[in-house]
Amino acid sequence: MNCFVTGASGFIGANLVHELVARGHRVKALVRPGADLRGLAGVDFERVPGDVADRAALAAGLRGCDWCFHVAASYHLWLRDYAPMFAANVDGTRSVLETAAAAGCSRIIYTSTVGCIGLPRAVNGGVTPTDETTPVTESQMSNPYKLSKWRGEVVARELAAAGLPIVIVNPSAPVGPRDVKPTPTGQVIVDFLNRQMPAYLDTGLNWVHVRDVAIGHILAAEKGRVGERYILGHADGNWTMKQAFAMLAEISGLPAPKFQVPYTVALLAAHADEAISRVTGKPPKAPLAGVRMARYKMFFNPAKAIRELGLPQTPPRQALADAVAWFRAHGYVKR
């Protein structure tokens, strides 16, 4: 297939390009000027200069393409001005999806996030992972990033209902190679390896190998039902931060942090951190949005993607081990 990928220089996007090419597909990648292309090293693809707001560049790049993967997103938990993020994640999504449909793409895959899935609730001391059917509303989008992605997903669902061949995927917390930036989840691993993680919050994530997420995108193009959402996660990947750090300690040989920070202390520290950021303009180390999200264990059930798409289930331990190996091999570990 001829494939068009936005966000190809990002973590999921770069791994998706590698997986597409490995399967014999041809890839055009929308690349902004000055983008960091280290994640795309060693893979053959055609560069299309432009961004998601440039419909002319999109139309030119999408010409002759069978599949479109809209992976690009502005991901920030703190900004002085959130308007550009909403423009990219909402208006940019409409531009890409409508242009892909006009170009005749038979499948358009929109990359959302599990942040748009209903949150798990603690019952009798346990947490039941939620799935695509869990009720959720815009009022539950607790920060500008989640709200922008929610509104982008609403655009995708409305266009799918209008007849566009759109399938939505909702990745959980991918880890693994080619996390160049790194992502906030990858930064947790880097900080652990650099002994800069003295404590942790009582939170949790659904950990999944980024390769499985990339393959999940391809499977969604091959088998996904139009208008449906698919959680791209791991059935056994719902781990607390304490469990994840214990596994990282086993993999790396480094000690896991022993001190758990009370939520109220972390919240107060985040308020102080953001107050400083408003003066300096530098992003806070611990943004309020991140601390507030950490109040909930982000546990999810990917059974639908496993059942309908055949989503691979690489053990989360392997995902963390591959991330550790990649960060160490590429100079992220200073000690």
Protein backbone atom coordinates (compact mmCIF):
# COMPACT_ATOMS: atom_id res chain seq x y z
CA MET A 1 0.00 0.00 0.00
CA ASN A 2 0.96 3.63 -0.48
CA CYS A 3 0.82 5.17 2.99
CA PHE A 4 0.82 8.75 4.28
CA VAL A 5 1.95 9.35 7.87
CA THR A 6 1.73 12.54 9.92
CA GLY A 7 3.78 12.79 13.09
CA ALA A 8 6.42 10.49 11.62
CA SER A 9 9.24 12.10 13.61
CA GLY A 10 7.47 11.32 16.90
CA PHE A 11 7.74 8.20 19.05
CA ILE A 12 4.75 6.24 17.73
CA GLY A 13 5.05 7.72 14.24
CA ALA A 14 8.69 6.73 13.77
CA ASN A 15 8.03 3.17 14.91
CA LEU A 16 5.00 3.03 12.61
CA VAL A 17 7.09 4.08 9.59
CA HIS A 18 9.65 1.36 10.38
CA GLU A 19 6.91 -1.27 10.68
CA LEU A 20 5.17 -0.20 7.47
CA VAL A 21 8.38 -0.32 5.43
CA ALA A 22 9.34 -3.68 6.98
CA ARG A 23 6.03 -5.03 5.66
CA GLY A 24 6.69 -3.80 2.14
CA HIS A 25 4.50 -0.69 2.20
CA ARG A 26 5.63 2.61 0.68
CA VAL A 27 5.58 5.62 3.00
CA LYS A 28 5.26 9.35 2.53
CA ALA A 29 5.85 11.25 5.76
CA LEU A 30 4.68 14.78 6.49
CA VAL A 31 7.70 16.49 8.06
CA ARG A 32 7.87 20.00 9.46
CA PRO A 33 11.00 22.09 8.86
CA GLY A 34 13.60 21.42 11.52
CA ALA A 35 11.98 18.20 12.75
CA ASP A 36 14.23 15.78 14.64
CA LEU A 37 14.44 12.76 12.34
CA ARG A 38 16.70 10.53 14.46
CA GLY A 39 13.85 8.07 15.01
CA LEU A 40 13.62 7.57 11.24
CA ALA A 41 17.29 6.72 10.76
CA GLY A 42 17.84 3.72 8.51
CA VAL A 43 14.36 3.59 6.99
CA ASP A 44 13.45 4.49 3.40
CA PHE A 45 10.58 6.98 3.07
CA GLU A 46 9.56 10.02 1.04
CA ARG A 47 9.59 13.37 2.85
CA VAL A 48 6.64 15.71 2.35
CA PRO A 49 7.46 19.18 3.76
CA GLY A 50 4.58 20.87 5.57
CA ASP A 51 2.33 20.64 8.61
CA VAL A 52 -1.24 19.65 9.42
CA ALA A 53 -2.56 23.16 8.79
CA ASP A 54 -1.26 23.21 5.20
CA ARG A 55 -4.04 21.64 3.12
CA ALA A 56 -2.15 22.19 -0.12
CA ALA A 57 0.86 20.22 1.17
CA LEU A 58 -1.47 17.56 2.55
CA ALA A 59 -3.29 17.21 -0.76
CA ALA A 60 -0.03 16.92 -2.68
CA GLY A 61 1.38 14.34 -0.29
CA LEU A 62 -1.82 12.28 -0.11
CA ARG A 63 -2.18 12.03 -3.87
CA GLY A 64 -2.11 8.34 -4.80
CA CYS A 65 -2.14 7.08 -1.20
CA ASP A 66 -4.28 4.16 -0.04
CA TRP A 67 -3.92 4.58 3.71
CA CYS A 68 -3.50 7.68 5.87
CA PHE A 69 -2.23 7.51 9.45
CA HIS A 70 -2.81 10.75 11.35
CA VAL A 71 -0.45 10.32 14.29
CA ALA A 72 0.71 13.94 14.69
CA ALA A 73 -0.32 15.79 17.83
CA SER A 74 0.83 18.67 19.98
CA TYR A 75 1.49 17.06 23.37
CA HIS A 76 2.17 19.51 26.19
CA LEU A 77 1.03 19.40 29.80
CA TRP A 78 2.00 23.04 30.32
CA LEU A 79 2.07 26.01 27.95
CA ARG A 80 1.71 29.73 28.42
CA ASP A 81 -0.70 29.74 25.48
CA TYR A 82 -2.70 26.62 24.61
CA ALA A 83 -4.28 28.04 21.43
CA PRO A 84 -1.63 26.54 19.08
CA MET A 85 -2.15 23.12 20.67
CA PHE A 86 -5.91 23.26 20.07
CA ALA A 87 -5.28 24.46 16.51
CA ALA A 88 -3.03 21.46 15.82
CA ASN A 89 -5.06 18.80 17.62
CA VAL A 90 -8.55 19.88 16.56
CA ASP A 91 -8.35 22.00 13.40
CA GLY A 92 -5.32 20.06 12.14
CA THR A 93 -7.17 16.79 12.64
CA ARG A 94 -10.07 18.01 10.51
CA SER A 95 -7.66 19.17 7.81
CA VAL A 96 -5.86 15.82 7.62
CA LEU A 97 -8.95 13.61 7.75
CA GLU A 98 -10.95 15.61 5.21
CA THR A 99 -8.00 15.91 2.83
CA ALA A 100 -7.27 12.17 3.11
CA ALA A 101 -10.88 11.35 2.27
CA ALA A 102 -10.85 13.75 -0.68
CA ALA A 103 -7.67 12.04 -1.93
CA GLY A 104 -9.51 8.71 -2.00
CA CYS A 105 -7.81 6.91 0.91
CA SER A 106 -9.60 3.64 1.64
CA ARG A 107 -8.63 3.72 5.32
CA ILE A 108 -7.81 6.68 7.56
CA ILE A 109 -6.41 5.87 11.00
CA TYR A 110 -6.70 8.57 13.63
CA THR A 111 -4.41 8.28 16.66
CA SER A 112 -6.26 9.40 19.78
CA THR A 113 -5.31 8.51 23.37
CA VAL A 114 -6.67 6.51 26.29
CA GLY A 115 -7.10 9.91 27.91
CA CYS A 116 -10.34 10.04 25.91
CA ILE A 117 -11.58 6.76 27.43
CA GLY A 118 -13.60 6.79 30.65
CA LEU A 119 -11.44 6.64 33.77
CA PRO A 120 -11.27 3.49 35.90
CA ARG A 121 -12.90 3.71 39.31
CA ALA A 122 -11.57 2.21 42.50
CA VAL A 123 -14.02 -0.24 44.08
CA ASN A 124 -13.30 -1.99 47.40
CA GLY A 125 -9.62 -1.18 47.15
CA GLY A 126 -9.27 -2.50 43.58
CA VAL A 127 -9.32 -0.88 40.17
CA THR A 128 -11.31 -2.35 37.29
CA PRO A 129 -9.76 -1.49 33.89
CA THR A 130 -12.15 0.32 31.57
CA ASP A 131 -12.73 -0.18 27.84
CA GLU A 132 -14.11 1.61 24.78
CA THR A 133 -17.70 1.32 26.06
CA THR A 134 -17.09 3.17 29.34
CA PRO A 135 -19.19 6.36 29.41
CA VAL A 136 -17.17 9.56 29.20
CA THR A 137 -17.93 13.23 28.55
CA GLU A 138 -15.94 16.35 27.75
CA SER A 139 -16.30 17.47 31.38
CA GLN A 140 -13.93 14.64 32.38
CA MET A 141 -11.10 16.05 30.26
CA SER A 142 -9.06 17.46 33.13
CA ASN A 143 -6.40 19.47 31.28
CA PRO A 144 -5.97 21.33 27.97
CA TYR A 145 -4.08 18.48 26.29
CA LYS A 146 -6.77 15.90 27.04
CA LEU A 147 -9.49 18.37 26.07
CA SER A 148 -7.81 19.12 22.74
CA LYS A 149 -7.44 15.41 21.96
CA TRP A 150 -11.05 14.79 23.00
CA ARG A 151 -12.28 17.46 20.59
CA GLY A 152 -10.04 16.02 17.87
CA GLU A 153 -11.55 12.60 18.45
CA VAL A 154 -15.05 14.10 18.30
CA VAL A 155 -14.15 15.48 14.86
CA ALA A 156 -12.98 12.01 13.79
CA ARG A 157 -16.16 10.35 15.06
CA GLU A 158 -18.39 12.91 13.37
CA LEU A 159 -16.59 12.52 10.05
CA ALA A 160 -16.75 8.72 10.33
CA ALA A 161 -20.51 8.97 10.96
CA ALA A 162 -20.73 11.09 7.82
CA GLY A 163 -19.20 8.25 5.78
CA LEU A 164 -15.44 8.84 5.88
CA PRO A 165 -13.44 5.56 6.28
CA ILE A 166 -11.98 6.51 9.67
CA VAL A 167 -10.85 4.09 12.39
CA ILE A 168 -9.76 5.45 15.78
CA VAL A 169 -6.97 3.97 17.89
CA ASN A 170 -6.32 4.89 21.53
CA PRO A 171 -2.77 3.97 22.63
CA SER A 172 -2.13 3.60 26.36
CA ALA A 173 1.44 4.18 27.63
CA PRO A 174 3.93 2.98 24.98
CA VAL A 175 7.58 2.39 25.83
CA GLY A 176 10.44 1.02 23.79
CA PRO A 177 13.02 2.15 21.22
CA ARG A 178 13.18 5.42 19.26
CA ASP A 179 11.78 7.62 22.05
CA VAL A 180 13.96 10.46 20.86
CA LYS A 181 12.39 13.42 22.67
CA PRO A 182 11.68 11.49 25.04
CA THR A 183 7.97 11.29 25.83
CA PRO A 184 6.84 11.95 29.44
CA THR A 185 6.64 8.18 30.02
CA GLY A 186 10.09 7.69 28.51
CA GLN A 187 11.43 10.52 30.66
CA VAL A 188 10.35 8.59 33.76
CA ILE A 189 12.59 5.72 32.60
CA VAL A 190 15.47 8.08 31.79
CA ASP A 191 15.18 9.76 35.20
CA PHE A 192 15.18 6.33 36.87
CA LEU A 193 18.32 5.29 34.98
CA ASN A 194 20.02 8.56 35.92
CA ARG A 195 19.10 8.12 39.61
CA GLN A 196 16.92 11.23 39.48
CA MET A 197 13.73 9.52 40.66
CA PRO A 198 13.93 9.61 44.47
CA ALA A 199 10.20 9.03 45.02
CA TYR A 200 6.97 8.15 43.23
CA LEU A 201 3.22 8.78 43.31
CA ASP A 202 0.63 6.09 43.91
CA THR A 203 -0.54 5.94 40.33
CA GLY A 204 -0.47 3.46 37.47
CA LEU A 205 -0.41 3.07 33.70
CA ASN A 206 -1.17 0.47 31.08
CA TRP A 207 2.35 -0.24 29.79
CA VAL A 208 2.63 -1.48 26.20
CA HIS A 209 5.49 -2.01 23.75
CA VAL A 210 5.59 0.78 21.17
CA ARG A 211 6.13 -1.84 18.46
CA ASP A 212 2.76 -3.41 19.34
CA VAL A 213 1.16 0.04 19.13
CA ALA A 214 2.71 0.63 15.70
CA ILE A 215 1.55 -2.77 14.47
CA GLY A 216 -1.86 -2.04 15.95
CA HIS A 217 -2.16 0.96 13.63
CA ILE A 218 -1.47 -1.26 10.62
CA LEU A 219 -3.93 -3.90 11.83
CA ALA A 220 -6.54 -1.16 12.27
CA ALA A 221 -6.07 -0.22 8.60
CA GLU A 222 -6.37 -3.86 7.58
CA LYS A 223 -9.18 -5.04 9.86
CA GLY A 224 -10.61 -2.13 11.84
CA ARG A 225 -14.29 -1.30 11.59
CA VAL A 226 -15.07 2.24 10.40
CA GLY A 227 -16.10 4.54 13.24
CA GLU A 228 -14.87 2.18 15.96
CA ARG A 229 -12.31 2.89 18.70
CA TYR A 230 -9.59 0.40 19.68
CA ILE A 231 -7.47 0.62 22.84
CA LEU A 232 -3.89 -0.27 21.91
CA GLY A 233 -2.54 -1.59 25.19
CA HIS A 234 -1.52 -4.78 26.96
CA ALA A 235 -3.92 -7.09 28.79
CA ASP A 236 -1.32 -7.67 31.53
CA GLY A 237 0.20 -4.19 31.42
CA ASN A 238 -1.81 -2.50 34.18
CA TRP A 239 1.00 -1.81 36.63
CA THR A 240 1.34 0.71 39.43
CA MET A 241 4.41 2.92 39.41
CA LYS A 242 5.75 0.87 42.32
CA GLN A 243 5.46 -2.30 40.22
CA ALA A 244 7.02 -0.61 37.17
CA PHE A 245 9.97 0.67 39.20
CA ALA A 246 10.48 -2.77 40.73
CA MET A 247 10.68 -4.20 37.21
CA LEU A 248 13.06 -1.45 36.09
CA ALA A 249 15.24 -2.24 39.10
CA GLU A 250 15.34 -5.90 38.09
CA ILE A 251 16.20 -5.02 34.49
CA SER A 252 18.79 -2.33 35.19
CA GLY A 253 20.34 -3.48 38.45
CA LEU A 254 19.61 -0.06 39.99
CA PRO A 255 17.62 0.40 43.21
CA ALA A 256 13.96 1.36 42.97
CA PRO A 257 12.76 4.50 44.79
CA LYS A 258 11.32 3.60 48.19
CA PHE A 259 9.48 6.78 49.17
CA GLN A 260 5.89 7.36 48.06
CA VAL A 261 4.96 11.05 47.83
CA PRO A 262 1.50 11.91 49.22
CA TYR A 263 -0.76 13.33 46.51
CA THR A 264 -1.38 16.61 48.39
CA VAL A 265 2.36 17.23 48.72
CA ALA A 266 2.87 16.63 44.99
CA LEU A 267 -0.03 18.95 44.19
CA LEU A 268 1.38 21.78 46.30
CA ALA A 269 4.80 21.32 44.73
CA ALA A 270 3.26 21.44 41.24
CA HIS A 271 1.46 24.70 42.07
CA ALA A 272 4.77 26.22 43.18
CA ASP A 273 6.57 24.83 40.12
CA GLU A 274 4.03 26.34 37.73
CA ALA A 275 4.18 29.70 39.51
CA ILE A 276 7.90 29.80 38.77
CA SER A 277 7.27 28.75 35.16
CA ARG A 278 4.86 31.62 34.61
CA VAL A 279 7.75 33.95 35.45
CA THR A 280 10.59 32.16 33.66
CA GLY A 281 8.65 30.72 30.71
CA LYS A 282 10.41 27.37 31.22
CA PRO A 283 8.15 24.29 31.47
CA PRO A 284 7.73 22.99 35.02
CA LYS A 285 9.39 19.74 36.00
CA ALA A 286 6.11 18.52 37.49
CA PRO A 287 3.16 20.23 35.76
CA LEU A 288 -0.18 20.36 37.51
CA ALA A 289 -1.82 18.48 34.65
CA GLY A 290 0.52 15.53 35.16
CA VAL A 291 0.02 15.43 38.93
CA ARG A 292 -3.75 15.63 38.58
CA MET A 293 -3.76 12.78 36.04
CA ALA A 294 -1.62 10.75 38.43
CA ARG A 295 -4.46 10.83 40.93
CA TYR A 296 -6.04 8.02 38.92
CA LYS A 297 -4.64 4.65 37.96
CA MET A 298 -4.90 4.67 34.17
CA PHE A 299 -5.80 0.99 33.81
CA PHE A 300 -7.44 -0.12 30.56
CA ASN A 301 -8.72 -3.27 28.88
CA PRO A 302 -7.49 -3.80 25.27
CA ALA A 303 -9.55 -6.98 24.72
CA LYS A 304 -11.40 -5.53 21.73
CA ALA A 305 -8.18 -4.77 19.82
CA ILE A 306 -6.79 -8.20 20.70
CA ARG A 307 -9.99 -9.93 19.59
CA GLU A 308 -10.83 -7.96 16.45
CA LEU A 309 -7.40 -6.83 15.23
CA GLY A 310 -5.07 -9.48 16.58
CA LEU A 311 -3.08 -6.85 18.52
CA PRO A 312 0.31 -8.33 19.54
CA GLN A 313 1.01 -8.69 23.27
CA THR A 314 4.73 -8.34 23.83
CA PRO A 315 5.33 -8.72 27.60
CA PRO A 316 5.57 -5.31 29.34
CA ARG A 317 8.85 -6.44 30.90
CA GLN A 318 10.30 -6.72 27.39
CA ALA A 319 8.96 -3.27 26.53
CA LEU A 320 10.74 -1.76 29.53
CA ALA A 321 13.93 -3.75 28.81
CA ASP A 322 13.97 -2.55 25.20
CA ALA A 323 13.46 1.05 26.35
CA VAL A 324 16.31 0.76 28.87
CA ALA A 325 18.63 -0.74 26.25
CA TRP A 326 17.78 1.97 23.70
CA PHE A 327 18.24 4.87 26.13
CA ARG A 328 21.56 3.45 27.31
CA ALA A 329 22.79 2.86 23.75
CA HIS A 330 21.88 6.38 22.61
CA GLY A 331 23.49 8.48 25.35
CA TYR A 332 20.52 9.32 27.56
CA VAL A 333 22.07 7.75 30.66
CA LYS A 334 24.67 10.05 32.19
CA ARG A 335 25.67 8.01 35.25
